[in-house]
Amino acid sequence: MTEHVAPNYSREEHIRALIEQISAYIEQFHHGSVELVSIEGEIIKVRLGGACSECELSTQTLQGWVAGTIRQFFPDAIVIAAE
């Protein structure tokens, strides 16, 4: 029997995958998106797109949903909107 060994993904790969999962949900149910722009130390810059880019609740989406999800796995992460 072969022992299962979990893949050794980098921190950036984990964050990118989380953002892709969040974006897939936002696209399906809210017609918006979230895109990873950059990771610089603990600062993660993202851009909301689609319906989220003009939505008056975009700040809550960014901080509550995107940042909240990322901080569950990376507690020191600081998620900000890219200019």
C-alpha atoms as a PDB file:
ATOM      1  CA  MET A   1       0.000   0.000   0.000  1.00  0.00           C
ATOM      2  CA  THR A   2       1.355   3.437  -0.958  1.00  0.00           C
ATOM      3  CA  GLU A   3       1.406   6.064   1.753  1.00  0.00           C
ATOM      4  CA  HIS A   4      -0.418   9.268   0.866  1.00  0.00           C
ATOM      5  CA  VAL A   5       1.786  12.343   1.054  1.00  0.00           C
ATOM      6  CA  ALA A   6       0.158  15.763   0.898  1.00  0.00           C
ATOM      7  CA  PRO A   7       1.569  18.104  -1.748  1.00  0.00           C
ATOM      8  CA  ASN A   8       3.921  20.768  -0.456  1.00  0.00           C
ATOM      9  CA  TYR A   9       2.367  23.967  -1.837  1.00  0.00           C
ATOM     10  CA  SER A  10       3.880  27.380  -1.191  1.00  0.00           C
ATOM     11  CA  ARG A  11       2.109  30.053   0.831  1.00  0.00           C
ATOM     12  CA  GLU A  12       1.441  31.996  -2.382  1.00  0.00           C
ATOM     13  CA  GLU A  13      -0.076  28.922  -4.053  1.00  0.00           C
ATOM     14  CA  HIS A  14      -2.384  28.418  -1.058  1.00  0.00           C
ATOM     15  CA  ILE A  15      -3.495  32.060  -1.114  1.00  0.00           C
ATOM     16  CA  ARG A  16      -4.008  31.999  -4.884  1.00  0.00           C
ATOM     17  CA  ALA A  17      -6.145  28.849  -4.594  1.00  0.00           C
ATOM     18  CA  LEU A  18      -8.252  30.381  -1.812  1.00  0.00           C
ATOM     19  CA  ILE A  19      -8.889  33.491  -3.887  1.00  0.00           C
ATOM     20  CA  GLU A  20      -9.809  31.388  -6.918  1.00  0.00           C
ATOM     21  CA  GLN A  21     -12.353  29.461  -4.807  1.00  0.00           C
ATOM     22  CA  ILE A  22     -13.836  32.672  -3.399  1.00  0.00           C
ATOM     23  CA  SER A  23     -13.979  34.162  -6.885  1.00  0.00           C
ATOM     24  CA  ALA A  24     -15.740  31.091  -8.302  1.00  0.00           C
ATOM     25  CA  TYR A  25     -18.469  31.442  -5.682  1.00  0.00           C
ATOM     26  CA  ILE A  26     -18.799  35.203  -6.202  1.00  0.00           C
ATOM     27  CA  GLU A  27     -18.982  34.707  -9.982  1.00  0.00           C
ATOM     28  CA  GLN A  28     -21.675  32.049  -9.743  1.00  0.00           C
ATOM     29  CA  PHE A  29     -23.943  33.704  -7.195  1.00  0.00           C
ATOM     30  CA  HIS A  30     -23.190  37.429  -7.409  1.00  0.00           C
ATOM     31  CA  HIS A  31     -21.826  37.952 -10.953  1.00  0.00           C
ATOM     32  CA  GLY A  32     -18.644  39.500  -9.577  1.00  0.00           C
ATOM     33  CA  SER A  33     -15.085  38.354  -9.156  1.00  0.00           C
ATOM     34  CA  VAL A  34     -11.965  38.742  -7.061  1.00  0.00           C
ATOM     35  CA  GLU A  35      -8.477  38.696  -8.583  1.00  0.00           C
ATOM     36  CA  LEU A  36      -5.134  38.362  -6.838  1.00  0.00           C
ATOM     37  CA  VAL A  37      -2.933  41.309  -7.818  1.00  0.00           C
ATOM     38  CA  SER A  38       0.106  40.793  -5.606  1.00  0.00           C
ATOM     39  CA  ILE A  39       1.478  39.373  -2.389  1.00  0.00           C
ATOM     40  CA  GLU A  40       4.126  41.473  -0.633  1.00  0.00           C
ATOM     41  CA  GLY A  41       4.980  39.972   2.734  1.00  0.00           C
ATOM     42  CA  GLU A  42       1.756  39.924   4.749  1.00  0.00           C
ATOM     43  CA  ILE A  43      -0.014  42.367   2.399  1.00  0.00           C
ATOM     44  CA  ILE A  44      -2.272  40.745  -0.170  1.00  0.00           C
ATOM     45  CA  LYS A  45      -3.670  43.051  -2.854  1.00  0.00           C
ATOM     46  CA  VAL A  46      -6.808  42.014  -4.675  1.00  0.00           C
ATOM     47  CA  ARG A  47      -9.137  43.600  -7.202  1.00  0.00           C
ATOM     48  CA  LEU A  48     -12.893  43.119  -7.166  1.00  0.00           C
ATOM     49  CA  GLY A  49     -14.441  42.928 -10.608  1.00  0.00           C
ATOM     50  CA  GLY A  50     -17.709  42.378 -12.399  1.00  0.00           C
ATOM     51  CA  ALA A  51     -20.769  43.328 -10.357  1.00  0.00           C
ATOM     52  CA  CYS A  52     -18.553  43.757  -7.267  1.00  0.00           C
ATOM     53  CA  SER A  53     -16.529  46.608  -8.764  1.00  0.00           C
ATOM     54  CA  GLU A  54     -19.420  49.096  -8.579  1.00  0.00           C
ATOM     55  CA  CYS A  55     -21.360  47.579  -5.673  1.00  0.00           C
ATOM     56  CA  GLU A  56     -21.815  49.716  -2.569  1.00  0.00           C
ATOM     57  CA  LEU A  57     -21.185  46.586  -0.468  1.00  0.00           C
ATOM     58  CA  SER A  58     -17.778  45.924  -2.030  1.00  0.00           C
ATOM     59  CA  THR A  59     -15.922  47.037   1.120  1.00  0.00           C
ATOM     60  CA  GLN A  60     -17.867  44.488   3.167  1.00  0.00           C
ATOM     61  CA  THR A  61     -17.215  41.831   0.537  1.00  0.00           C
ATOM     62  CA  LEU A  62     -13.503  42.612   0.561  1.00  0.00           C
ATOM     63  CA  GLN A  63     -13.017  42.766   4.326  1.00  0.00           C
ATOM     64  CA  GLY A  64     -15.687  40.369   5.531  1.00  0.00           C
ATOM     65  CA  TRP A  65     -15.638  37.682   2.910  1.00  0.00           C
ATOM     66  CA  VAL A  66     -12.307  37.748   1.103  1.00  0.00           C
ATOM     67  CA  ALA A  67     -10.070  38.909   3.972  1.00  0.00           C
ATOM     68  CA  GLY A  68     -12.033  36.917   6.549  1.00  0.00           C
ATOM     69  CA  THR A  69     -11.599  33.699   4.605  1.00  0.00           C
ATOM     70  CA  ILE A  70      -7.893  34.262   3.981  1.00  0.00           C
ATOM     71  CA  ARG A  71      -7.251  35.132   7.645  1.00  0.00           C
ATOM     72  CA  GLN A  72      -8.761  31.806   8.712  1.00  0.00           C
ATOM     73  CA  PHE A  73      -5.714  30.174   7.128  1.00  0.00           C
ATOM     74  CA  PHE A  74      -3.200  33.031   7.326  1.00  0.00           C
ATOM     75  CA  PRO A  75      -4.039  35.041  10.477  1.00  0.00           C
ATOM     76  CA  ASP A  76      -1.370  37.707   9.896  1.00  0.00           C
ATOM     77  CA  ALA A  77      -2.547  38.502   6.357  1.00  0.00           C
ATOM     78  CA  ILE A  78      -3.629  42.042   5.532  1.00  0.00           C
ATOM     79  CA  VAL A  79      -5.969  42.139   2.531  1.00  0.00           C
ATOM     80  CA  ILE A  80      -6.355  45.429   0.700  1.00  0.00           C
ATOM     81  CA  ALA A  81      -7.929  46.606  -2.534  1.00  0.00           C
ATOM     82  CA  ALA A  82      -5.501  47.260  -5.381  1.00  0.00           C
ATOM     83  CA  GLU A  83      -5.624  50.743  -6.840  1.00  0.00           C
END
